[in-house]
Amino acid sequence: MDGLLFVPARGNALGAFSVRTARPGAGQDRVGLAFTSEERLHAALGGTQRWIRLSRPALMALLRPLGIEDIRLDPLYVGPEVPAVVLPDERPVLTGVWRHAQWLPDEVW
């Protein structure tokens, strides 16, 4: 392992980029996002998500001026809190293939 993480990023026509951030729940502080593999990044964010390779210290150096002190490593979902659902005990709970949740755009938060 070379110590570099896969960090979701956005680019512009001039070649500049910005790393993506998210909020783990309504009213919570923004966090940085990083993944240990390209496959995990694409499973969480979709196959078209662009990324850059950064070390943890380099990512923190980009995030600290924004007031972000936390990085979520390999998150499956970061977005609005999902309300809990109470199921009656007499009904069976269906299980199936594990699917990763698709993230909402940062602008939603």
PDB file of N, CA and C in Angstrom:
ATOM      1  N   MET A   1       0.850  -1.176   0.000  1.00  0.00           N
ATOM      2  CA  MET A   1       0.000   0.000   0.000  1.00  0.00           C
ATOM      3  C   MET A   1       0.893   1.235   0.000  1.00  0.00           C
ATOM      4  N   ASP A   2       0.647   2.148  -0.910  1.00  0.00           N
ATOM      5  CA  ASP A   2       1.490   3.334  -1.028  1.00  0.00           C
ATOM      6  C   ASP A   2       1.029   4.485  -0.146  1.00  0.00           C
ATOM      7  N   GLY A   3      -0.050   4.301   0.609  1.00  0.00           N
ATOM      8  CA  GLY A   3      -0.518   5.351   1.505  1.00  0.00           C
ATOM      9  C   GLY A   3      -1.386   6.401   0.839  1.00  0.00           C
ATOM     10  N   LEU A   4      -1.598   6.283  -0.461  1.00  0.00           N
ATOM     11  CA  LEU A   4      -2.448   7.248  -1.154  1.00  0.00           C
ATOM     12  C   LEU A   4      -3.892   6.776  -1.147  1.00  0.00           C
ATOM     13  N   LEU A   5      -4.799   7.722  -0.969  1.00  0.00           N
ATOM     14  CA  LEU A   5      -6.227   7.435  -0.951  1.00  0.00           C
ATOM     15  C   LEU A   5      -6.859   7.884  -2.258  1.00  0.00           C
ATOM     16  N   PHE A   6      -8.013   7.336  -2.571  1.00  0.00           N
ATOM     17  CA  PHE A   6      -8.819   7.757  -3.710  1.00  0.00           C
ATOM     18  C   PHE A   6      -9.816   8.782  -3.177  1.00  0.00           C
ATOM     19  N   VAL A   7      -9.684  10.022  -3.618  1.00  0.00           N
ATOM     20  CA  VAL A   7     -10.483  11.123  -3.093  1.00  0.00           C
ATOM     21  C   VAL A   7     -11.403  11.637  -4.196  1.00  0.00           C
ATOM     22  N   PRO A   8     -12.725  11.606  -3.986  1.00  0.00           N
ATOM     23  CA  PRO A   8     -13.643  12.125  -5.001  1.00  0.00           C
ATOM     24  C   PRO A   8     -13.391  13.608  -5.238  1.00  0.00           C
ATOM     25  N   ALA A   9     -13.385  13.986  -6.524  1.00  0.00           N
ATOM     26  CA  ALA A   9     -13.059  15.369  -6.874  1.00  0.00           C
ATOM     27  C   ALA A   9     -13.923  15.829  -8.032  1.00  0.00           C
ATOM     28  N   ARG A  10     -13.975  17.144  -8.159  1.00  0.00           N
ATOM     29  CA  ARG A  10     -14.640  17.782  -9.299  1.00  0.00           C
ATOM     30  C   ARG A  10     -13.594  18.618 -10.005  1.00  0.00           C
ATOM     31  N   GLY A  11     -13.661  18.622 -11.316  1.00  0.00           N
ATOM     32  CA  GLY A  11     -12.737  19.439 -12.091  1.00  0.00           C
ATOM     33  C   GLY A  11     -13.488  20.485 -12.881  1.00  0.00           C
ATOM     34  N   ASN A  12     -12.743  21.478 -13.394  1.00  0.00           N
ATOM     35  CA  ASN A  12     -13.366  22.468 -14.268  1.00  0.00           C
ATOM     36  C   ASN A  12     -12.624  22.499 -15.596  1.00  0.00           C
ATOM     37  N   ALA A  13     -13.062  23.329 -16.501  1.00  0.00           N
ATOM     38  CA  ALA A  13     -12.484  23.378 -17.847  1.00  0.00           C
ATOM     39  C   ALA A  13     -11.035  23.851 -17.842  1.00  0.00           C
ATOM     40  N   LEU A  14     -10.605  24.542 -16.796  1.00  0.00           N
ATOM     41  CA  LEU A  14      -9.235  25.047 -16.723  1.00  0.00           C
ATOM     42  C   LEU A  14      -8.274  24.046 -16.094  1.00  0.00           C
ATOM     43  N   GLY A  15      -8.780  22.905 -15.669  1.00  0.00           N
ATOM     44  CA  GLY A  15      -7.935  21.886 -15.077  1.00  0.00           C
ATOM     45  C   GLY A  15      -7.812  21.960 -13.562  1.00  0.00           C
ATOM     46  N   ALA A  16      -8.470  22.920 -12.947  1.00  0.00           N
ATOM     47  CA  ALA A  16      -8.461  23.013 -11.485  1.00  0.00           C
ATOM     48  C   ALA A  16      -9.421  21.967 -10.916  1.00  0.00           C
ATOM     49  N   PHE A  17      -9.197  21.580  -9.682  1.00  0.00           N
ATOM     50  CA  PHE A  17     -10.085  20.595  -9.065  1.00  0.00           C
ATOM     51  C   PHE A  17     -10.422  21.029  -7.650  1.00  0.00           C
ATOM     52  N   SER A  18     -11.491  20.444  -7.129  1.00  0.00           N
ATOM     53  CA  SER A  18     -11.843  20.588  -5.718  1.00  0.00           C
ATOM     54  C   SER A  18     -12.269  19.221  -5.219  1.00  0.00           C
ATOM     55  N   VAL A  19     -11.929  18.934  -3.970  1.00  0.00           N
ATOM     56  CA  VAL A  19     -12.322  17.649  -3.401  1.00  0.00           C
ATOM     57  C   VAL A  19     -13.759  17.754  -2.914  1.00  0.00           C
ATOM     58  N   ARG A  20     -14.469  16.652  -2.986  1.00  0.00           N
ATOM     59  CA  ARG A  20     -15.861  16.638  -2.535  1.00  0.00           C
ATOM     60  C   ARG A  20     -15.919  16.466  -1.037  1.00  0.00           C
ATOM     61  N   THR A  21     -16.898  17.123  -0.441  1.00  0.00           N
ATOM     62  CA  THR A  21     -17.185  16.964   0.975  1.00  0.00           C
ATOM     63  C   THR A  21     -18.648  16.599   1.117  1.00  0.00           C
ATOM     64  N   ALA A  22     -19.030  16.206   2.316  1.00  0.00           N
ATOM     65  CA  ALA A  22     -20.425  15.826   2.556  1.00  0.00           C
ATOM     66  C   ALA A  22     -20.759  16.099   4.013  1.00  0.00           C
ATOM     67  N   ARG A  23     -22.021  15.989   4.334  1.00  0.00           N
ATOM     68  CA  ARG A  23     -22.490  16.086   5.719  1.00  0.00           C
ATOM     69  C   ARG A  23     -23.061  14.718   6.107  1.00  0.00           C
ATOM     70  N   PRO A  24     -22.631  14.162   7.235  1.00  0.00           N
ATOM     71  CA  PRO A  24     -23.138  12.849   7.638  1.00  0.00           C
ATOM     72  C   PRO A  24     -24.583  12.874   8.104  1.00  0.00           C
ATOM     73  N   GLY A  25     -25.140  14.030   8.368  1.00  0.00           N
ATOM     74  CA  GLY A  25     -26.533  14.132   8.791  1.00  0.00           C
ATOM     75  C   GLY A  25     -26.946  15.582   8.819  1.00  0.00           C
ATOM     76  N   ALA A  26     -28.226  15.807   8.881  1.00  0.00           N
ATOM     77  CA  ALA A  26     -28.739  17.170   8.900  1.00  0.00           C
ATOM     78  C   ALA A  26     -28.176  17.936  10.089  1.00  0.00           C
ATOM     79  N   GLY A  27     -27.640  19.128   9.821  1.00  0.00           N
ATOM     80  CA  GLY A  27     -27.109  19.971  10.871  1.00  0.00           C
ATOM     81  C   GLY A  27     -25.720  19.600  11.364  1.00  0.00           C
ATOM     82  N   GLN A  28     -25.129  18.555  10.829  1.00  0.00           N
ATOM     83  CA  GLN A  28     -23.795  18.143  11.256  1.00  0.00           C
ATOM     84  C   GLN A  28     -22.733  18.817  10.397  1.00  0.00           C
ATOM     85  N   ASP A  29     -21.522  18.896  10.923  1.00  0.00           N
ATOM     86  CA  ASP A  29     -20.414  19.519  10.214  1.00  0.00           C
ATOM     87  C   ASP A  29     -20.006  18.695   8.993  1.00  0.00           C
ATOM     88  N   ARG A  30     -19.481  19.397   7.977  1.00  0.00           N
ATOM     89  CA  ARG A  30     -18.995  18.711   6.785  1.00  0.00           C
ATOM     90  C   ARG A  30     -17.788  17.837   7.121  1.00  0.00           C
ATOM     91  N   VAL A  31     -17.618  16.778   6.345  1.00  0.00           N
ATOM     92  CA  VAL A  31     -16.487  15.865   6.484  1.00  0.00           C
ATOM     93  C   VAL A  31     -15.839  15.677   5.120  1.00  0.00           C
ATOM     94  N   GLY A  32     -14.567  15.305   5.138  1.00  0.00           N
ATOM     95  CA  GLY A  32     -13.882  14.931   3.917  1.00  0.00           C
ATOM     96  C   GLY A  32     -14.207  13.485   3.580  1.00  0.00           C
ATOM     97  N   LEU A  33     -14.059  13.121   2.327  1.00  0.00           N
ATOM     98  CA  LEU A  33     -14.350  11.767   1.868  1.00  0.00           C
ATOM     99  C   LEU A  33     -13.097  11.161   1.254  1.00  0.00           C
ATOM    100  N   ALA A  34     -12.830   9.897   1.554  1.00  0.00           N
ATOM    101  CA  ALA A  34     -11.684   9.203   0.971  1.00  0.00           C
ATOM    102  C   ALA A  34     -11.984   7.711   0.932  1.00  0.00           C
ATOM    103  N   PHE A  35     -11.381   7.035  -0.027  1.00  0.00           N
ATOM    104  CA  PHE A  35     -11.604   5.609  -0.214  1.00  0.00           C
ATOM    105  C   PHE A  35     -10.274   4.892  -0.373  1.00  0.00           C
ATOM    106  N   THR A  36     -10.234   3.633   0.042  1.00  0.00           N
ATOM    107  CA  THR A  36      -9.005   2.851  -0.044  1.00  0.00           C
ATOM    108  C   THR A  36      -8.827   2.189  -1.402  1.00  0.00           C
ATOM    109  N   SER A  37      -9.860   2.203  -2.240  1.00  0.00           N
ATOM    110  CA  SER A  37      -9.736   1.629  -3.583  1.00  0.00           C
ATOM    111  C   SER A  37     -10.692   2.339  -4.538  1.00  0.00           C
ATOM    112  N   GLU A  38     -10.368   2.273  -5.802  1.00  0.00           N
ATOM    113  CA  GLU A  38     -11.234   2.855  -6.824  1.00  0.00           C
ATOM    114  C   GLU A  38     -12.578   2.136  -6.848  1.00  0.00           C
ATOM    115  N   GLU A  39     -12.560   0.830  -6.624  1.00  0.00           N
ATOM    116  CA  GLU A  39     -13.801   0.053  -6.625  1.00  0.00           C
ATOM    117  C   GLU A  39     -14.748   0.525  -5.524  1.00  0.00           C
ATOM    118  N   ARG A  40     -14.221   0.794  -4.326  1.00  0.00           N
ATOM    119  CA  ARG A  40     -15.066   1.253  -3.225  1.00  0.00           C
ATOM    120  C   ARG A  40     -15.628   2.643  -3.515  1.00  0.00           C
ATOM    121  N   LEU A  41     -14.811   3.499  -4.110  1.00  0.00           N
ATOM    122  CA  LEU A  41     -15.282   4.833  -4.468  1.00  0.00           C
ATOM    123  C   LEU A  41     -16.428   4.739  -5.463  1.00  0.00           C
ATOM    124  N   HIS A  42     -16.263   3.925  -6.496  1.00  0.00           N
ATOM    125  CA  HIS A  42     -17.306   3.806  -7.519  1.00  0.00           C
ATOM    126  C   HIS A  42     -18.550   3.092  -6.990  1.00  0.00           C
ATOM    127  N   ALA A  43     -18.381   2.160  -6.049  1.00  0.00           N
ATOM    128  CA  ALA A  43     -19.542   1.488  -5.458  1.00  0.00           C
ATOM    129  C   ALA A  43     -20.395   2.483  -4.670  1.00  0.00           C
ATOM    130  N   ALA A  44     -19.753   3.446  -4.025  1.00  0.00           N
ATOM    131  CA  ALA A  44     -20.486   4.413  -3.206  1.00  0.00           C
ATOM    132  C   ALA A  44     -21.002   5.595  -4.012  1.00  0.00           C
ATOM    133  N   LEU A  45     -20.220   6.049  -5.002  1.00  0.00           N
ATOM    134  CA  LEU A  45     -20.548   7.287  -5.703  1.00  0.00           C
ATOM    135  C   LEU A  45     -20.929   7.101  -7.165  1.00  0.00           C
ATOM    136  N   GLY A  46     -20.808   5.913  -7.676  1.00  0.00           N
ATOM    137  CA  GLY A  46     -21.134   5.676  -9.075  1.00  0.00           C
ATOM    138  C   GLY A  46     -19.889   5.657  -9.948  1.00  0.00           C
ATOM    139  N   GLY A  47     -20.004   5.002 -11.076  1.00  0.00           N
ATOM    140  CA  GLY A  47     -18.878   4.794 -11.973  1.00  0.00           C
ATOM    141  C   GLY A  47     -18.358   6.029 -12.666  1.00  0.00           C
ATOM    142  N   THR A  48     -19.102   7.119 -12.665  1.00  0.00           N
ATOM    143  CA  THR A  48     -18.654   8.329 -13.352  1.00  0.00           C
ATOM    144  C   THR A  48     -17.969   9.328 -12.424  1.00  0.00           C
ATOM    145  N   GLN A  49     -17.908   9.011 -11.129  1.00  0.00           N
ATOM    146  CA  GLN A  49     -17.277   9.930 -10.183  1.00  0.00           C
ATOM    147  C   GLN A  49     -15.779  10.026 -10.466  1.00  0.00           C
ATOM    148  N   ARG A  50     -15.279  11.238 -10.646  1.00  0.00           N
ATOM    149  CA  ARG A  50     -13.856  11.474 -10.859  1.00  0.00           C
ATOM    150  C   ARG A  50     -13.142  11.468  -9.515  1.00  0.00           C
ATOM    151  N   TRP A  51     -11.854  11.180  -9.528  1.00  0.00           N
ATOM    152  CA  TRP A  51     -11.099  11.098  -8.290  1.00  0.00           C
ATOM    153  C   TRP A  51      -9.654  11.510  -8.516  1.00  0.00           C
ATOM    154  N   ILE A  52      -8.974  11.805  -7.416  1.00  0.00           N
ATOM    155  CA  ILE A  52      -7.541  12.069  -7.425  1.00  0.00           C
ATOM    156  C   ILE A  52      -6.919  11.239  -6.311  1.00  0.00           C
ATOM    157  N   ARG A  53      -5.619  11.014  -6.396  1.00  0.00           N
ATOM    158  CA  ARG A  53      -4.908  10.280  -5.347  1.00  0.00           C
ATOM    159  C   ARG A  53      -4.220  11.289  -4.437  1.00  0.00           C
ATOM    160  N   LEU A  54      -4.498  11.211  -3.151  1.00  0.00           N
ATOM    161  CA  LEU A  54      -3.892  12.087  -2.159  1.00  0.00           C
ATOM    162  C   LEU A  54      -3.554  11.283  -0.904  1.00  0.00           C
ATOM    163  N   SER A  55      -2.519  11.701  -0.204  1.00  0.00           N
ATOM    164  CA  SER A  55      -2.243  11.124   1.109  1.00  0.00           C
ATOM    165  C   SER A  55      -3.204  11.760   2.116  1.00  0.00           C
ATOM    166  N   ARG A  56      -3.354  11.138   3.267  1.00  0.00           N
ATOM    167  CA  ARG A  56      -4.218  11.695   4.313  1.00  0.00           C
ATOM    168  C   ARG A  56      -3.733  13.090   4.734  1.00  0.00           C
ATOM    169  N   PRO A  57      -2.405  13.309   4.951  1.00  0.00           N
ATOM    170  CA  PRO A  57      -1.966  14.664   5.318  1.00  0.00           C
ATOM    171  C   PRO A  57      -2.263  15.703   4.227  1.00  0.00           C
ATOM    172  N   ALA A  58      -2.109  15.334   2.967  1.00  0.00           N
ATOM    173  CA  ALA A  58      -2.400  16.287   1.884  1.00  0.00           C
ATOM    174  C   ALA A  58      -3.887  16.620   1.843  1.00  0.00           C
ATOM    175  N   LEU A  59      -4.742  15.624   2.034  1.00  0.00           N
ATOM    176  CA  LEU A  59      -6.189  15.874   2.054  1.00  0.00           C
ATOM    177  C   LEU A  59      -6.553  16.779   3.232  1.00  0.00           C
ATOM    178  N   MET A  60      -5.976  16.515   4.399  1.00  0.00           N
ATOM    179  CA  MET A  60      -6.259  17.364   5.563  1.00  0.00           C
ATOM    180  C   MET A  60      -5.778  18.795   5.320  1.00  0.00           C
ATOM    181  N   ALA A  61      -4.661  18.964   4.619  1.00  0.00           N
ATOM    182  CA  ALA A  61      -4.160  20.302   4.319  1.00  0.00           C
ATOM    183  C   ALA A  61      -5.137  21.074   3.432  1.00  0.00           C
ATOM    184  N   LEU A  62      -5.864  20.370   2.565  1.00  0.00           N
ATOM    185  CA  LEU A  62      -6.878  21.014   1.730  1.00  0.00           C
ATOM    186  C   LEU A  62      -8.160  21.315   2.518  1.00  0.00           C
ATOM    187  N   LEU A  63      -8.479  20.470   3.487  1.00  0.00           N
ATOM    188  CA  LEU A  63      -9.743  20.594   4.210  1.00  0.00           C
ATOM    189  C   LEU A  63      -9.693  21.541   5.404  1.00  0.00           C
ATOM    190  N   ARG A  64      -8.565  21.631   6.077  1.00  0.00           N
ATOM    191  CA  ARG A  64      -8.483  22.463   7.294  1.00  0.00           C
ATOM    192  C   ARG A  64      -8.847  23.926   7.059  1.00  0.00           C
ATOM    193  N   PRO A  65      -8.420  24.562   5.950  1.00  0.00           N
ATOM    194  CA  PRO A  65      -8.838  25.957   5.748  1.00  0.00           C
ATOM    195  C   PRO A  65     -10.354  26.125   5.623  1.00  0.00           C
ATOM    196  N   LEU A  66     -11.056  25.039   5.316  1.00  0.00           N
ATOM    197  CA  LEU A  66     -12.520  25.072   5.229  1.00  0.00           C
ATOM    198  C   LEU A  66     -13.173  24.761   6.570  1.00  0.00           C
ATOM    199  N   GLY A  67     -12.354  24.513   7.584  1.00  0.00           N
ATOM    200  CA  GLY A  67     -12.877  24.181   8.904  1.00  0.00           C
ATOM    201  C   GLY A  67     -13.254  22.721   9.059  1.00  0.00           C
ATOM    202  N   ILE A  68     -12.807  21.878   8.156  1.00  0.00           N
ATOM    203  CA  ILE A  68     -13.130  20.446   8.196  1.00  0.00           C
ATOM    204  C   ILE A  68     -11.983  19.707   8.872  1.00  0.00           C
ATOM    205  N   GLU A  69     -12.309  18.959   9.924  1.00  0.00           N
ATOM    206  CA  GLU A  69     -11.294  18.255  10.708  1.00  0.00           C
ATOM    207  C   GLU A  69     -11.453  16.736  10.667  1.00  0.00           C
ATOM    208  N   ASP A  70     -12.451  16.232   9.952  1.00  0.00           N
ATOM    209  CA  ASP A  70     -12.753  14.801   9.964  1.00  0.00           C
ATOM    210  C   ASP A  70     -12.791  14.270   8.535  1.00  0.00           C
ATOM    211  N   ILE A  71     -12.244  13.072   8.353  1.00  0.00           N
ATOM    212  CA  ILE A  71     -12.305  12.378   7.055  1.00  0.00           C
ATOM    213  C   ILE A  71     -13.037  11.070   7.274  1.00  0.00           C
ATOM    214  N   ARG A  72     -14.014  10.797   6.436  1.00  0.00           N
ATOM    215  CA  ARG A  72     -14.709   9.504   6.458  1.00  0.00           C
ATOM    216  C   ARG A  72     -14.032   8.592   5.443  1.00  0.00           C
ATOM    217  N   LEU A  73     -13.502   7.480   5.911  1.00  0.00           N
ATOM    218  CA  LEU A  73     -12.803   6.526   5.063  1.00  0.00           C
ATOM    219  C   LEU A  73     -13.754   5.408   4.652  1.00  0.00           C
ATOM    220  N   ASP A  74     -13.871   5.178   3.359  1.00  0.00           N
ATOM    221  CA  ASP A  74     -14.743   4.147   2.783  1.00  0.00           C
ATOM    222  C   ASP A  74     -16.193   4.241   3.262  1.00  0.00           C
ATOM    223  N   PRO A  75     -16.791   5.437   3.251  1.00  0.00           N
ATOM    224  CA  PRO A  75     -18.201   5.530   3.661  1.00  0.00           C
ATOM    225  C   PRO A  75     -19.106   4.890   2.608  1.00  0.00           C
ATOM    226  N   LEU A  76     -20.186   4.279   3.051  1.00  0.00           N
ATOM    227  CA  LEU A  76     -21.167   3.720   2.123  1.00  0.00           C
ATOM    228  C   LEU A  76     -22.216   4.750   1.764  1.00  0.00           C
ATOM    229  N   TYR A  77     -22.532   5.633   2.719  1.00  0.00           N
ATOM    230  CA  TYR A  77     -23.547   6.649   2.479  1.00  0.00           C
ATOM    231  C   TYR A  77     -23.295   7.821   3.405  1.00  0.00           C
ATOM    232  N   VAL A  78     -23.270   9.009   2.862  1.00  0.00           N
ATOM    233  CA  VAL A  78     -23.197  10.231   3.661  1.00  0.00           C
ATOM    234  C   VAL A  78     -24.235  11.159   3.066  1.00  0.00           C
ATOM    235  N   GLY A  79     -25.257  11.464   3.803  1.00  0.00           N
ATOM    236  CA  GLY A  79     -26.306  12.325   3.294  1.00  0.00           C
ATOM    237  C   GLY A  79     -27.331  12.579   4.366  1.00  0.00           C
ATOM    238  N   PRO A  80     -28.493  13.060   3.956  1.00  0.00           N
ATOM    239  CA  PRO A  80     -29.552  13.313   4.929  1.00  0.00           C
ATOM    240  C   PRO A  80     -29.880  12.046   5.711  1.00  0.00           C
ATOM    241  N   GLU A  81     -30.195  12.225   6.986  1.00  0.00           N
ATOM    242  CA  GLU A  81     -30.530  11.077   7.812  1.00  0.00           C
ATOM    243  C   GLU A  81     -31.769  10.376   7.257  1.00  0.00           C
ATOM    244  N   VAL A  82     -31.726   9.065   7.256  1.00  0.00           N
ATOM    245  CA  VAL A  82     -32.848   8.260   6.772  1.00  0.00           C
ATOM    246  C   VAL A  82     -33.723   7.930   7.970  1.00  0.00           C
ATOM    247  N   PRO A  83     -35.020   8.225   7.891  1.00  0.00           N
ATOM    248  CA  PRO A  83     -35.876   7.939   9.049  1.00  0.00           C
ATOM    249  C   PRO A  83     -35.950   6.444   9.335  1.00  0.00           C
ATOM    250  N   ALA A  84     -36.013   6.113  10.606  1.00  0.00           N
ATOM    251  CA  ALA A  84     -36.134   4.714  11.019  1.00  0.00           C
ATOM    252  C   ALA A  84     -37.541   4.212  10.721  1.00  0.00           C
ATOM    253  N   VAL A  85     -37.635   2.961  10.342  1.00  0.00           N
ATOM    254  CA  VAL A  85     -38.924   2.348  10.055  1.00  0.00           C
ATOM    255  C   VAL A  85     -39.127   1.201  11.035  1.00  0.00           C
ATOM    256  N   VAL A  86     -40.254   1.193  11.702  1.00  0.00           N
ATOM    257  CA  VAL A  86     -40.573   0.120  12.640  1.00  0.00           C
ATOM    258  C   VAL A  86     -41.445  -0.883  11.908  1.00  0.00           C
ATOM    259  N   LEU A  87     -40.996  -2.133  11.876  1.00  0.00           N
ATOM    260  CA  LEU A  87     -41.755  -3.193  11.214  1.00  0.00           C
ATOM    261  C   LEU A  87     -42.464  -4.031  12.269  1.00  0.00           C
ATOM    262  N   PRO A  88     -43.717  -4.381  12.002  1.00  0.00           N
ATOM    263  CA  PRO A  88     -44.431  -5.269  12.937  1.00  0.00           C
ATOM    264  C   PRO A  88     -43.721  -6.622  13.024  1.00  0.00           C
ATOM    265  N   ASP A  89     -43.738  -7.213  14.194  1.00  0.00           N
ATOM    266  CA  ASP A  89     -43.046  -8.476  14.410  1.00  0.00           C
ATOM    267  C   ASP A  89     -43.620  -9.629  13.589  1.00  0.00           C
ATOM    268  N   GLU A  90     -44.883  -9.574  13.239  1.00  0.00           N
ATOM    269  CA  GLU A  90     -45.499 -10.700  12.540  1.00  0.00           C
ATOM    270  C   GLU A  90     -45.198 -10.730  11.039  1.00  0.00           C
ATOM    271  N   ARG A  91     -44.597  -9.687  10.496  1.00  0.00           N
ATOM    272  CA  ARG A  91     -44.306  -9.663   9.070  1.00  0.00           C
ATOM    273  C   ARG A  91     -42.859 -10.065   8.825  1.00  0.00           C
ATOM    274  N   PRO A  92     -42.609 -10.904   7.823  1.00  0.00           N
ATOM    275  CA  PRO A  92     -41.222 -11.279   7.527  1.00  0.00           C
ATOM    276  C   PRO A  92     -40.472 -10.091   6.914  1.00  0.00           C
ATOM    277  N   VAL A  93     -39.193 -10.025   7.188  1.00  0.00           N
ATOM    278  CA  VAL A  93     -38.343  -9.003   6.609  1.00  0.00           C
ATOM    279  C   VAL A  93     -37.606  -9.627   5.429  1.00  0.00           C
ATOM    280  N   LEU A  94     -37.758  -9.029   4.263  1.00  0.00           N
ATOM    281  CA  LEU A  94     -37.110  -9.561   3.073  1.00  0.00           C
ATOM    282  C   LEU A  94     -35.664  -9.090   3.022  1.00  0.00           C
ATOM    283  N   THR A  95     -34.774 -10.003   2.677  1.00  0.00           N
ATOM    284  CA  THR A  95     -33.372  -9.640   2.514  1.00  0.00           C
ATOM    285  C   THR A  95     -32.971  -9.950   1.090  1.00  0.00           C
ATOM    286  N   GLY A  96     -31.962  -9.296   0.628  1.00  0.00           N
ATOM    287  CA  GLY A  96     -31.521  -9.518  -0.743  1.00  0.00           C
ATOM    288  C   GLY A  96     -30.056  -9.166  -0.888  1.00  0.00           C
ATOM    289  N   VAL A  97     -29.657  -8.926  -2.105  1.00  0.00           N
ATOM    290  CA  VAL A  97     -28.284  -8.595  -2.409  1.00  0.00           C
ATOM    291  C   VAL A  97     -27.951  -7.227  -1.808  1.00  0.00           C
ATOM    292  N   TRP A  98     -26.772  -7.126  -1.186  1.00  0.00           N
ATOM    293  CA  TRP A  98     -26.322  -5.860  -0.608  1.00  0.00           C
ATOM    294  C   TRP A  98     -26.107  -4.854  -1.719  1.00  0.00           C
ATOM    295  N   ARG A  99     -26.671  -3.665  -1.559  1.00  0.00           N
ATOM    296  CA  ARG A  99     -26.470  -2.597  -2.538  1.00  0.00           C
ATOM    297  C   ARG A  99     -25.979  -1.356  -1.805  1.00  0.00           C
ATOM    298  N   HIS A 100     -25.054  -0.658  -2.428  1.00  0.00           N
ATOM    299  CA  HIS A 100     -24.560   0.582  -1.850  1.00  0.00           C
ATOM    300  C   HIS A 100     -25.512   1.706  -2.230  1.00  0.00           C
ATOM    301  N   ALA A 101     -25.754   2.598  -1.305  1.00  0.00           N
ATOM    302  CA  ALA A 101     -26.634   3.732  -1.568  1.00  0.00           C
ATOM    303  C   ALA A 101     -25.932   4.740  -2.477  1.00  0.00           C
ATOM    304  N   GLN A 102     -26.666   5.309  -3.385  1.00  0.00           N
ATOM    305  CA  GLN A 102     -26.131   6.364  -4.245  1.00  0.00           C
ATOM    306  C   GLN A 102     -26.161   7.676  -3.482  1.00  0.00           C
ATOM    307  N   TRP A 103     -25.116   8.451  -3.550  1.00  0.00           N
ATOM    308  CA  TRP A 103     -25.032   9.702  -2.811  1.00  0.00           C
ATOM    309  C   TRP A 103     -25.782  10.791  -3.536  1.00  0.00           C
ATOM    310  N   LEU A 104     -26.250  11.733  -2.785  1.00  0.00           N
ATOM    311  CA  LEU A 104     -26.876  12.916  -3.350  1.00  0.00           C
ATOM    312  C   LEU A 104     -25.799  13.959  -3.612  1.00  0.00           C
ATOM    313  N   PRO A 105     -26.017  14.839  -4.548  1.00  0.00           N
ATOM    314  CA  PRO A 105     -25.017  15.889  -4.828  1.00  0.00           C
ATOM    315  C   PRO A 105     -24.771  16.755  -3.603  1.00  0.00           C
ATOM    316  N   ASP A 106     -23.567  17.311  -3.489  1.00  0.00           N
ATOM    317  CA  ASP A 106     -23.216  18.161  -2.353  1.00  0.00           C
ATOM    318  C   ASP A 106     -24.162  19.348  -2.217  1.00  0.00           C
ATOM    319  N   GLU A 107     -24.690  19.850  -3.323  1.00  0.00           N
ATOM    320  CA  GLU A 107     -25.539  21.033  -3.276  1.00  0.00           C
ATOM    321  C   GLU A 107     -26.805  20.804  -2.457  1.00  0.00           C
ATOM    322  N   VAL A 108     -27.218  19.562  -2.272  1.00  0.00           N
ATOM    323  CA  VAL A 108     -28.415  19.263  -1.494  1.00  0.00           C
ATOM    324  C   VAL A 108     -28.223  19.687  -0.056  1.00  0.00           C
ATOM    325  N   TRP A 109     -27.003  19.578   0.453  1.00  0.00           N
ATOM    326  CA  TRP A 109     -26.733  19.912   1.845  1.00  0.00           C
ATOM    327  C   TRP A 109     -26.462  21.369   1.952  1.00  0.00           C
TER     328      TRP A 109
END
